[in-house]
N, C-alpha and C. Protein backbone atom coordinates (compact mmCIF):
# COMPACT_ATOMS: atom_id res chain seq x y z
N MET A 1 0.84 -1.17 0.00
CA MET A 1 0.00 0.00 0.00
C MET A 1 0.89 1.24 0.00
N LYS A 2 0.54 2.17 -0.83
CA LYS A 2 1.29 3.42 -0.92
C LYS A 2 0.96 4.29 0.30
N VAL A 3 1.99 4.77 0.98
CA VAL A 3 1.83 5.62 2.15
C VAL A 3 2.22 7.04 1.77
N LEU A 4 1.34 7.99 2.06
CA LEU A 4 1.56 9.39 1.73
C LEU A 4 1.56 10.23 3.00
N ARG A 5 2.43 11.22 3.04
CA ARG A 5 2.56 12.09 4.20
C ARG A 5 2.50 13.55 3.73
N PRO A 6 1.30 14.11 3.67
CA PRO A 6 1.20 15.50 3.21
C PRO A 6 1.81 16.48 4.20
N SER A 7 2.26 17.60 3.69
CA SER A 7 2.75 18.68 4.55
C SER A 7 1.55 19.31 5.26
N ALA A 8 1.83 20.12 6.26
CA ALA A 8 0.75 20.82 6.98
C ALA A 8 -0.05 21.68 6.01
N GLU A 9 0.63 22.30 5.06
CA GLU A 9 -0.04 23.15 4.07
C GLU A 9 -0.95 22.32 3.15
N GLU A 10 -0.44 21.21 2.65
CA GLU A 10 -1.24 20.33 1.78
C GLU A 10 -2.44 19.76 2.53
N PHE A 11 -2.28 19.54 3.82
CA PHE A 11 -3.31 18.91 4.63
C PHE A 11 -4.50 19.83 4.93
N LYS A 12 -4.35 21.11 4.65
CA LYS A 12 -5.43 22.08 4.95
C LYS A 12 -6.66 21.87 4.09
N GLU A 13 -6.50 21.37 2.87
CA GLU A 13 -7.61 21.21 1.94
C GLU A 13 -7.70 19.76 1.45
N PRO A 14 -8.50 18.92 2.11
CA PRO A 14 -8.54 17.50 1.76
C PRO A 14 -8.97 17.21 0.33
N ILE A 15 -10.00 17.89 -0.15
CA ILE A 15 -10.50 17.60 -1.50
C ILE A 15 -9.45 17.98 -2.54
N ARG A 16 -8.84 19.14 -2.37
CA ARG A 16 -7.78 19.57 -3.30
C ARG A 16 -6.61 18.58 -3.26
N TYR A 17 -6.23 18.16 -2.06
CA TYR A 17 -5.12 17.22 -1.92
C TYR A 17 -5.44 15.90 -2.63
N ILE A 18 -6.63 15.38 -2.44
CA ILE A 18 -7.03 14.11 -3.07
C ILE A 18 -7.10 14.26 -4.58
N GLU A 19 -7.60 15.40 -5.07
CA GLU A 19 -7.61 15.65 -6.52
C GLU A 19 -6.19 15.66 -7.09
N GLN A 20 -5.26 16.28 -6.38
CA GLN A 20 -3.86 16.31 -6.82
C GLN A 20 -3.27 14.91 -6.86
N LEU A 21 -3.60 14.10 -5.87
CA LEU A 21 -3.13 12.71 -5.86
C LEU A 21 -3.64 11.97 -7.09
N TYR A 22 -4.90 12.18 -7.39
CA TYR A 22 -5.49 11.52 -8.56
C TYR A 22 -4.77 11.96 -9.84
N GLN A 23 -4.55 13.26 -9.98
CA GLN A 23 -3.87 13.79 -11.16
C GLN A 23 -2.44 13.28 -11.29
N LYS A 24 -1.81 12.99 -10.16
CA LYS A 24 -0.44 12.46 -10.17
C LYS A 24 -0.41 10.94 -10.38
N GLY A 25 -1.58 10.31 -10.53
CA GLY A 25 -1.64 8.88 -10.81
C GLY A 25 -1.78 7.98 -9.60
N ALA A 26 -2.14 8.53 -8.44
CA ALA A 26 -2.27 7.69 -7.25
C ALA A 26 -3.40 6.67 -7.40
N TRP A 27 -4.33 6.90 -8.30
CA TRP A 27 -5.43 5.96 -8.52
C TRP A 27 -4.90 4.58 -8.94
N LYS A 28 -3.68 4.52 -9.49
CA LYS A 28 -3.10 3.25 -9.92
C LYS A 28 -2.88 2.29 -8.74
N TYR A 29 -2.76 2.86 -7.53
CA TYR A 29 -2.50 2.02 -6.36
C TYR A 29 -3.77 1.35 -5.85
N GLY A 30 -4.93 1.82 -6.26
CA GLY A 30 -6.18 1.26 -5.77
C GLY A 30 -6.56 1.81 -4.41
N CYS A 31 -5.60 1.82 -3.50
CA CYS A 31 -5.83 2.33 -2.16
C CYS A 31 -4.53 2.95 -1.66
N VAL A 32 -4.64 4.07 -1.00
CA VAL A 32 -3.45 4.71 -0.41
C VAL A 32 -3.74 5.02 1.05
N LYS A 33 -2.68 5.14 1.82
CA LYS A 33 -2.81 5.51 3.22
C LYS A 33 -2.25 6.93 3.35
N ILE A 34 -3.07 7.83 3.88
CA ILE A 34 -2.64 9.21 4.10
C ILE A 34 -2.39 9.39 5.58
N ILE A 35 -1.14 9.69 5.94
CA ILE A 35 -0.77 9.91 7.33
C ILE A 35 -0.69 11.41 7.56
N PRO A 36 -1.48 11.94 8.49
CA PRO A 36 -1.48 13.39 8.72
C PRO A 36 -0.13 13.89 9.21
N PRO A 37 0.10 15.19 9.05
CA PRO A 37 1.34 15.76 9.60
C PRO A 37 1.35 15.63 11.12
N ASP A 38 2.53 15.67 11.71
CA ASP A 38 2.66 15.52 13.16
C ASP A 38 1.86 16.55 13.94
N SER A 39 1.63 17.71 13.33
CA SER A 39 0.89 18.78 14.03
C SER A 39 -0.60 18.46 14.19
N PHE A 40 -1.11 17.49 13.45
CA PHE A 40 -2.53 17.14 13.51
C PHE A 40 -2.75 16.14 14.63
N ARG A 41 -3.27 16.60 15.76
CA ARG A 41 -3.46 15.77 16.95
C ARG A 41 -4.85 16.00 17.56
N PRO A 42 -5.91 15.56 16.87
CA PRO A 42 -7.25 15.76 17.44
C PRO A 42 -7.44 14.90 18.69
N PRO A 43 -8.20 15.38 19.65
CA PRO A 43 -8.47 14.57 20.83
C PRO A 43 -9.39 13.40 20.47
N PHE A 44 -9.15 12.25 21.10
CA PHE A 44 -10.02 11.09 20.88
C PHE A 44 -11.35 11.36 21.57
N SER A 45 -12.43 11.29 20.84
CA SER A 45 -13.72 11.75 21.37
C SER A 45 -14.76 10.66 21.52
N PHE A 46 -14.39 9.43 21.35
CA PHE A 46 -15.32 8.32 21.53
C PHE A 46 -15.46 8.03 23.02
N ASP A 47 -16.66 7.80 23.48
CA ASP A 47 -16.90 7.52 24.90
C ASP A 47 -16.56 6.07 25.20
N THR A 48 -15.36 5.82 25.66
CA THR A 48 -14.89 4.46 25.91
C THR A 48 -15.52 3.83 27.15
N LYS A 49 -16.18 4.62 27.99
CA LYS A 49 -16.82 4.10 29.21
C LYS A 49 -18.31 3.84 29.03
N SER A 50 -18.82 4.10 27.84
CA SER A 50 -20.25 3.93 27.57
C SER A 50 -20.67 2.48 27.77
N THR A 51 -21.87 2.29 28.28
CA THR A 51 -22.41 0.93 28.44
C THR A 51 -23.35 0.58 27.28
N LYS A 52 -23.43 1.47 26.29
CA LYS A 52 -24.25 1.17 25.10
C LYS A 52 -23.65 -0.03 24.38
N ARG A 53 -24.53 -0.87 23.89
CA ARG A 53 -24.09 -2.06 23.16
C ARG A 53 -24.21 -1.78 21.66
N PHE A 54 -23.20 -2.18 20.90
CA PHE A 54 -23.27 -2.01 19.45
C PHE A 54 -23.05 -3.36 18.78
N GLN A 55 -23.67 -3.51 17.62
CA GLN A 55 -23.49 -4.73 16.86
C GLN A 55 -22.11 -4.72 16.21
N TYR A 56 -21.54 -5.88 16.08
CA TYR A 56 -20.28 -5.99 15.36
C TYR A 56 -20.36 -7.14 14.38
N ARG A 57 -19.40 -7.18 13.50
CA ARG A 57 -19.36 -8.21 12.47
C ARG A 57 -18.24 -9.19 12.78
N SER A 58 -18.48 -10.44 12.42
CA SER A 58 -17.46 -11.48 12.52
C SER A 58 -17.17 -11.97 11.11
N GLN A 59 -15.89 -12.00 10.76
CA GLN A 59 -15.51 -12.42 9.42
C GLN A 59 -14.42 -13.48 9.51
N VAL A 60 -14.66 -14.62 8.90
CA VAL A 60 -13.65 -15.65 8.79
C VAL A 60 -12.74 -15.24 7.64
N LEU A 61 -11.47 -14.95 7.95
CA LEU A 61 -10.55 -14.43 6.93
C LEU A 61 -10.44 -15.33 5.72
N GLU A 62 -10.42 -16.63 5.96
CA GLU A 62 -10.28 -17.57 4.84
C GLU A 62 -11.48 -17.51 3.89
N ASN A 63 -12.61 -16.95 4.32
CA ASN A 63 -13.79 -16.86 3.47
C ASN A 63 -13.81 -15.59 2.61
N LEU A 64 -12.98 -14.62 2.93
CA LEU A 64 -13.01 -13.36 2.19
C LEU A 64 -12.75 -13.56 0.71
N ILE A 65 -11.78 -14.37 0.37
CA ILE A 65 -11.41 -14.57 -1.03
C ILE A 65 -12.53 -15.25 -1.82
N HIS A 66 -13.44 -15.92 -1.10
CA HIS A 66 -14.56 -16.61 -1.74
C HIS A 66 -15.83 -15.76 -1.74
N GLY A 67 -15.72 -14.55 -1.23
CA GLY A 67 -16.87 -13.64 -1.22
C GLY A 67 -17.97 -14.05 -0.26
N LYS A 68 -17.66 -14.87 0.71
CA LYS A 68 -18.69 -15.30 1.67
C LYS A 68 -18.98 -14.16 2.64
N PRO A 69 -20.23 -14.01 3.02
CA PRO A 69 -20.60 -12.89 3.89
C PRO A 69 -20.11 -13.08 5.33
N PHE A 70 -20.13 -11.99 6.05
CA PHE A 70 -19.77 -12.01 7.45
C PHE A 70 -21.03 -12.20 8.28
N ASP A 71 -20.85 -12.50 9.54
CA ASP A 71 -21.97 -12.66 10.46
C ASP A 71 -22.09 -11.41 11.33
N TYR A 72 -23.31 -11.10 11.71
CA TYR A 72 -23.57 -10.01 12.65
C TYR A 72 -23.79 -10.57 14.04
N ASN A 73 -23.27 -9.90 15.04
CA ASN A 73 -23.59 -10.22 16.41
C ASN A 73 -24.70 -9.26 16.80
N LYS A 74 -25.92 -9.73 16.77
CA LYS A 74 -27.08 -8.87 17.02
C LYS A 74 -27.23 -8.48 18.49
N ASP A 75 -26.66 -9.28 19.40
CA ASP A 75 -26.76 -8.96 20.83
C ASP A 75 -25.93 -7.74 21.18
N GLY A 76 -24.89 -7.54 20.43
CA GLY A 76 -24.04 -6.38 20.67
C GLY A 76 -23.02 -6.61 21.76
N ILE A 77 -22.19 -5.60 21.93
CA ILE A 77 -21.08 -5.66 22.87
C ILE A 77 -20.75 -4.22 23.26
N THR A 78 -20.26 -4.02 24.47
CA THR A 78 -19.84 -2.67 24.86
C THR A 78 -18.42 -2.44 24.34
N TYR A 79 -18.02 -1.18 24.31
CA TYR A 79 -16.67 -0.86 23.87
C TYR A 79 -15.63 -1.58 24.75
N GLU A 80 -15.84 -1.56 26.08
CA GLU A 80 -14.87 -2.19 26.98
C GLU A 80 -14.77 -3.69 26.74
N GLU A 81 -15.90 -4.36 26.47
CA GLU A 81 -15.88 -5.79 26.15
C GLU A 81 -15.14 -6.03 24.83
N PHE A 82 -15.44 -5.18 23.85
CA PHE A 82 -14.80 -5.30 22.54
C PHE A 82 -13.28 -5.11 22.68
N ARG A 83 -12.89 -4.11 23.43
CA ARG A 83 -11.47 -3.82 23.64
C ARG A 83 -10.77 -4.96 24.40
N ALA A 84 -11.45 -5.56 25.37
CA ALA A 84 -10.88 -6.69 26.12
C ALA A 84 -10.63 -7.88 25.19
N ASN A 85 -11.58 -8.16 24.29
CA ASN A 85 -11.39 -9.23 23.31
C ASN A 85 -10.20 -8.93 22.40
N ALA A 86 -10.12 -7.68 21.96
CA ALA A 86 -9.01 -7.28 21.08
C ALA A 86 -7.67 -7.42 21.80
N LYS A 87 -7.66 -7.11 23.09
CA LYS A 87 -6.43 -7.19 23.87
C LYS A 87 -5.94 -8.64 23.98
N VAL A 88 -6.87 -9.57 24.14
CA VAL A 88 -6.50 -10.99 24.19
C VAL A 88 -5.83 -11.39 22.88
N LEU A 89 -6.46 -11.03 21.78
CA LEU A 89 -5.89 -11.36 20.47
C LEU A 89 -4.54 -10.69 20.28
N GLU A 90 -4.46 -9.42 20.63
CA GLU A 90 -3.21 -8.67 20.49
C GLU A 90 -2.10 -9.29 21.32
N ASP A 91 -2.37 -9.56 22.58
CA ASP A 91 -1.34 -10.11 23.47
C ASP A 91 -0.86 -11.49 23.02
N GLN A 92 -1.79 -12.33 22.60
CA GLN A 92 -1.42 -13.70 22.29
C GLN A 92 -0.93 -13.89 20.85
N TYR A 93 -1.49 -13.15 19.91
CA TYR A 93 -1.06 -13.31 18.52
C TYR A 93 0.21 -12.52 18.24
N LEU A 94 0.27 -11.30 18.72
CA LEU A 94 1.42 -10.45 18.41
C LEU A 94 2.70 -10.87 19.11
N GLN A 95 2.59 -11.71 20.12
CA GLN A 95 3.82 -12.16 20.80
C GLN A 95 4.69 -12.99 19.84
N ASN A 96 4.13 -13.42 18.72
CA ASN A 96 4.86 -14.21 17.74
C ASN A 96 5.68 -13.35 16.78
N PHE A 97 5.57 -12.04 16.91
CA PHE A 97 6.24 -11.12 15.99
C PHE A 97 7.35 -10.34 16.70
N LYS A 98 8.32 -9.93 15.93
CA LYS A 98 9.36 -8.99 16.38
C LYS A 98 9.29 -7.79 15.45
N PHE A 99 9.03 -6.61 15.99
CA PHE A 99 8.87 -5.41 15.17
C PHE A 99 10.04 -4.46 15.40
N ARG A 100 10.53 -3.88 14.31
CA ARG A 100 11.61 -2.90 14.41
C ARG A 100 11.08 -1.50 14.69
N SER A 101 9.85 -1.23 14.24
CA SER A 101 9.26 0.10 14.41
C SER A 101 7.76 -0.02 14.26
N ASP A 102 7.03 1.07 14.55
CA ASP A 102 5.58 1.06 14.37
C ASP A 102 5.22 0.86 12.91
N GLU A 103 5.97 1.50 12.01
CA GLU A 103 5.69 1.35 10.58
C GLU A 103 5.94 -0.09 10.14
N ASN A 104 7.01 -0.70 10.65
CA ASN A 104 7.30 -2.09 10.36
C ASN A 104 6.19 -2.99 10.90
N LYS A 105 5.65 -2.65 12.07
CA LYS A 105 4.57 -3.43 12.68
C LYS A 105 3.35 -3.44 11.76
N ILE A 106 2.99 -2.27 11.25
CA ILE A 106 1.82 -2.17 10.39
C ILE A 106 2.02 -2.96 9.10
N SER A 107 3.16 -2.78 8.45
CA SER A 107 3.38 -3.49 7.18
C SER A 107 3.49 -5.00 7.40
N THR A 108 4.09 -5.42 8.50
CA THR A 108 4.20 -6.85 8.80
C THR A 108 2.82 -7.46 9.04
N LEU A 109 1.98 -6.77 9.81
CA LEU A 109 0.64 -7.28 10.07
C LEU A 109 -0.22 -7.28 8.81
N GLN A 110 -0.06 -6.26 7.97
CA GLN A 110 -0.82 -6.23 6.71
C GLN A 110 -0.43 -7.42 5.84
N LYS A 111 0.85 -7.72 5.76
CA LYS A 111 1.31 -8.87 4.97
C LYS A 111 0.75 -10.17 5.55
N ASP A 112 0.81 -10.31 6.86
CA ASP A 112 0.29 -11.50 7.51
C ASP A 112 -1.20 -11.67 7.22
N TYR A 113 -1.94 -10.57 7.33
CA TYR A 113 -3.38 -10.58 7.07
C TYR A 113 -3.67 -11.08 5.65
N TRP A 114 -3.00 -10.49 4.66
CA TRP A 114 -3.28 -10.88 3.27
C TRP A 114 -2.78 -12.28 2.96
N ASP A 115 -1.73 -12.74 3.61
CA ASP A 115 -1.30 -14.13 3.44
C ASP A 115 -2.39 -15.07 3.93
N ILE A 116 -3.03 -14.73 5.05
CA ILE A 116 -4.10 -15.58 5.57
C ILE A 116 -5.31 -15.55 4.63
N VAL A 117 -5.68 -14.37 4.16
CA VAL A 117 -6.83 -14.23 3.26
C VAL A 117 -6.60 -14.99 1.96
N GLU A 118 -5.44 -14.77 1.34
CA GLU A 118 -5.19 -15.32 0.00
C GLU A 118 -4.61 -16.73 0.00
N GLU A 119 -3.77 -17.04 0.97
CA GLU A 119 -3.09 -18.33 0.98
C GLU A 119 -3.61 -19.27 2.08
N HIS A 120 -4.48 -18.75 2.94
CA HIS A 120 -5.01 -19.50 4.09
C HIS A 120 -3.93 -19.90 5.09
N THR A 121 -2.83 -19.21 5.07
CA THR A 121 -1.78 -19.46 6.05
C THR A 121 -0.82 -18.28 6.06
N SER A 122 0.00 -18.25 7.06
CA SER A 122 1.10 -17.30 7.13
C SER A 122 2.14 -17.93 8.04
N GLU A 123 3.33 -17.40 8.03
CA GLU A 123 4.39 -17.97 8.86
C GLU A 123 3.98 -18.00 10.33
N LYS A 124 3.43 -16.91 10.84
CA LYS A 124 3.05 -16.83 12.26
C LYS A 124 1.78 -17.62 12.54
N TYR A 125 0.80 -17.50 11.67
CA TYR A 125 -0.49 -18.16 11.84
C TYR A 125 -0.33 -19.67 11.89
N SER A 126 0.58 -20.20 11.07
CA SER A 126 0.75 -21.66 11.02
C SER A 126 1.29 -22.22 12.33
N LYS A 127 1.90 -21.39 13.17
CA LYS A 127 2.47 -21.86 14.43
C LYS A 127 1.47 -21.88 15.59
N ILE A 128 0.27 -21.36 15.37
CA ILE A 128 -0.72 -21.26 16.45
C ILE A 128 -1.83 -22.29 16.21
N ALA A 129 -2.00 -23.21 17.14
CA ALA A 129 -3.03 -24.25 17.00
C ALA A 129 -4.42 -23.66 17.25
N SER A 130 -4.55 -22.88 18.32
CA SER A 130 -5.84 -22.26 18.60
C SER A 130 -5.63 -21.01 19.44
N LEU A 131 -6.61 -20.15 19.41
CA LEU A 131 -6.57 -18.92 20.19
C LEU A 131 -8.00 -18.50 20.48
N GLY A 132 -8.59 -19.12 21.50
CA GLY A 132 -9.95 -18.80 21.91
C GLY A 132 -10.92 -18.86 20.75
N LYS A 133 -11.77 -17.85 20.65
CA LYS A 133 -12.75 -17.83 19.57
C LYS A 133 -12.17 -17.29 18.27
N PHE A 134 -10.93 -16.83 18.29
CA PHE A 134 -10.34 -16.21 17.11
C PHE A 134 -9.73 -17.23 16.14
N ILE A 135 -8.94 -18.15 16.66
CA ILE A 135 -8.32 -19.17 15.81
C ILE A 135 -8.77 -20.53 16.31
N GLN A 136 -9.42 -21.28 15.42
CA GLN A 136 -9.94 -22.59 15.79
C GLN A 136 -9.61 -23.59 14.70
N THR A 137 -9.49 -24.84 15.11
CA THR A 137 -9.27 -25.92 14.15
C THR A 137 -10.37 -26.94 14.34
N GLU A 138 -11.05 -27.25 13.24
CA GLU A 138 -12.13 -28.23 13.27
C GLU A 138 -11.99 -29.11 12.04
N ASN A 139 -11.99 -30.41 12.22
CA ASN A 139 -11.83 -31.35 11.09
C ASN A 139 -10.61 -31.00 10.23
N ASN A 140 -9.50 -30.74 10.88
CA ASN A 140 -8.24 -30.38 10.21
C ASN A 140 -8.32 -29.09 9.40
N LYS A 141 -9.36 -28.30 9.61
CA LYS A 141 -9.49 -27.02 8.91
C LYS A 141 -9.37 -25.90 9.93
N LYS A 142 -8.43 -25.04 9.71
CA LYS A 142 -8.16 -23.95 10.63
C LYS A 142 -8.80 -22.66 10.11
N THR A 143 -9.39 -21.90 11.03
CA THR A 143 -10.00 -20.62 10.64
C THR A 143 -9.55 -19.52 11.59
N PHE A 144 -9.46 -18.33 11.04
CA PHE A 144 -9.11 -17.13 11.81
C PHE A 144 -10.29 -16.17 11.67
N THR A 145 -10.96 -15.90 12.77
CA THR A 145 -12.12 -15.02 12.76
C THR A 145 -11.75 -13.69 13.39
N VAL A 146 -12.06 -12.62 12.69
CA VAL A 146 -11.85 -11.28 13.24
C VAL A 146 -13.21 -10.64 13.50
N GLU A 147 -13.23 -9.77 14.47
CA GLU A 147 -14.44 -9.03 14.81
C GLU A 147 -14.17 -7.55 14.58
N TYR A 148 -15.12 -6.87 14.01
CA TYR A 148 -14.94 -5.44 13.81
C TYR A 148 -16.30 -4.74 13.82
N ALA A 149 -16.26 -3.49 14.17
CA ALA A 149 -17.48 -2.68 14.19
C ALA A 149 -17.32 -1.62 13.09
N ALA A 150 -18.32 -1.50 12.29
CA ALA A 150 -18.29 -0.52 11.20
C ALA A 150 -19.70 0.04 11.03
N ASP A 151 -19.75 1.17 10.40
CA ASP A 151 -21.04 1.80 10.08
C ASP A 151 -21.87 2.10 11.33
N LEU A 152 -21.19 2.47 12.41
CA LEU A 152 -21.90 2.84 13.63
C LEU A 152 -22.35 4.30 13.52
N PRO A 153 -23.61 4.59 13.83
CA PRO A 153 -24.07 5.99 13.76
C PRO A 153 -23.35 6.85 14.80
N THR A 154 -22.65 7.86 14.34
CA THR A 154 -21.86 8.68 15.26
C THR A 154 -22.73 9.49 16.21
N ASN A 155 -23.96 9.79 15.80
CA ASN A 155 -24.83 10.54 16.71
C ASN A 155 -25.29 9.68 17.88
N LYS A 156 -25.17 8.36 17.76
CA LYS A 156 -25.55 7.45 18.85
C LYS A 156 -24.34 7.00 19.67
N TYR A 157 -23.22 6.71 18.99
CA TYR A 157 -22.07 6.12 19.67
C TYR A 157 -20.88 7.06 19.83
N GLY A 158 -20.90 8.17 19.14
CA GLY A 158 -19.76 9.07 19.18
C GLY A 158 -18.82 8.78 18.03
N SER A 159 -17.68 9.44 18.03
CA SER A 159 -16.75 9.35 16.92
C SER A 159 -15.33 9.56 17.43
N GLY A 160 -14.37 9.16 16.63
CA GLY A 160 -12.99 9.47 16.96
C GLY A 160 -12.69 10.95 16.82
N PHE A 161 -13.55 11.67 16.11
CA PHE A 161 -13.39 13.11 15.93
C PHE A 161 -14.32 13.88 16.85
N PRO A 162 -13.87 15.00 17.37
CA PRO A 162 -14.73 15.79 18.25
C PRO A 162 -15.75 16.62 17.47
N THR A 163 -16.78 17.04 18.18
CA THR A 163 -17.72 18.01 17.62
C THR A 163 -17.13 19.40 17.81
N LYS A 164 -17.75 20.40 17.20
CA LYS A 164 -17.27 21.78 17.35
C LYS A 164 -17.38 22.24 18.80
N GLU A 165 -18.38 21.70 19.52
CA GLU A 165 -18.54 22.06 20.93
C GLU A 165 -17.40 21.51 21.79
N MET A 166 -16.84 20.40 21.40
CA MET A 166 -15.75 19.78 22.16
C MET A 166 -14.40 20.45 21.87
N SER A 167 -14.19 20.81 20.60
CA SER A 167 -12.93 21.41 20.18
C SER A 167 -13.17 22.24 18.93
N GLU A 168 -13.07 23.53 19.05
CA GLU A 168 -13.30 24.41 17.90
C GLU A 168 -12.31 24.10 16.79
N GLU A 169 -11.03 23.94 17.14
CA GLU A 169 -10.00 23.70 16.12
C GLU A 169 -10.25 22.41 15.35
N TYR A 170 -10.43 21.30 16.07
CA TYR A 170 -10.59 20.01 15.40
C TYR A 170 -12.04 19.69 15.07
N GLY A 171 -12.96 20.29 15.78
CA GLY A 171 -14.38 20.09 15.48
C GLY A 171 -14.76 20.65 14.14
N SER A 172 -14.06 21.68 13.68
CA SER A 172 -14.36 22.28 12.38
C SER A 172 -13.27 22.01 11.35
N HIS A 173 -12.31 21.16 11.69
CA HIS A 173 -11.21 20.86 10.76
C HIS A 173 -11.74 20.17 9.50
N PRO A 174 -11.22 20.53 8.32
CA PRO A 174 -11.75 19.93 7.08
C PRO A 174 -11.55 18.42 6.96
N TRP A 175 -10.59 17.83 7.68
CA TRP A 175 -10.41 16.38 7.63
C TRP A 175 -11.29 15.66 8.64
N ASN A 176 -12.00 16.38 9.48
CA ASN A 176 -12.91 15.76 10.44
C ASN A 176 -14.02 15.09 9.65
N PHE A 177 -14.15 13.77 9.77
CA PHE A 177 -15.12 13.04 8.97
C PHE A 177 -16.56 13.38 9.29
N ARG A 178 -16.78 14.09 10.38
CA ARG A 178 -18.12 14.59 10.67
C ARG A 178 -18.47 15.75 9.74
N ASN A 179 -17.45 16.38 9.14
CA ASN A 179 -17.65 17.59 8.34
C ASN A 179 -17.40 17.42 6.85
N ILE A 180 -16.63 16.43 6.46
CA ILE A 180 -16.14 16.37 5.09
C ILE A 180 -17.28 16.32 4.07
N ASN A 181 -18.40 15.74 4.44
CA ASN A 181 -19.53 15.68 3.50
C ASN A 181 -20.21 17.04 3.33
N ASN A 182 -19.95 17.99 4.22
CA ASN A 182 -20.56 19.32 4.11
C ASN A 182 -19.72 20.30 3.31
N ARG A 183 -18.56 19.89 2.88
CA ARG A 183 -17.69 20.78 2.11
C ARG A 183 -18.31 21.03 0.74
N PRO A 184 -18.27 22.26 0.26
CA PRO A 184 -18.91 22.57 -1.04
C PRO A 184 -18.30 21.81 -2.22
N ASP A 185 -17.04 21.38 -2.11
CA ASP A 185 -16.37 20.69 -3.20
C ASP A 185 -16.38 19.17 -3.03
N SER A 186 -17.18 18.66 -2.11
CA SER A 186 -17.20 17.23 -1.83
C SER A 186 -18.40 16.55 -2.48
N LEU A 187 -18.14 15.43 -3.15
CA LEU A 187 -19.24 14.64 -3.71
C LEU A 187 -20.08 13.98 -2.62
N LEU A 188 -19.53 13.89 -1.43
CA LEU A 188 -20.25 13.25 -0.32
C LEU A 188 -21.42 14.08 0.19
N GLN A 189 -21.55 15.32 -0.28
CA GLN A 189 -22.66 16.16 0.16
C GLN A 189 -23.98 15.76 -0.48
N PHE A 190 -23.93 14.97 -1.54
CA PHE A 190 -25.16 14.61 -2.25
C PHE A 190 -25.78 13.37 -1.69
């Protein structure tokens, strides 16, 4: 994946920046990662102590390449429960890796993920017989299930970005995903 690091000046206008990327041929990559300048430090605004339950999705990685759908957990889970599950996976799965840096960690995990999706194995994954509800073996078939929450209504659950009432600077910042659809030059306004 192509990683881009715009300057503070380039980062001021998201639509213009994305248009410039397109004109420079970034569309050839299919997907790019834009890392904000170091000066961009919005406060985390999601209520991590909330007892509200949200639905999450479970996806067997080996099924992705076959286009099989994911399952919904309709009972829901609180953020703290979700985070505790993630911590178990992180502590037990990541202990198999040695990372030189945060950037190396991300690229190593991305490679491992795609190896599992496309090849149904990876160097680290093949060494783990089971890991709770995440990695299981049944009838000599091993599966890796991930859980994720997406498409949560921000007016109900909050967001990683603050509102204008929480932070004038970041609440009205053009990269704040609560605002980007309201920009006059954004197709997301329609």
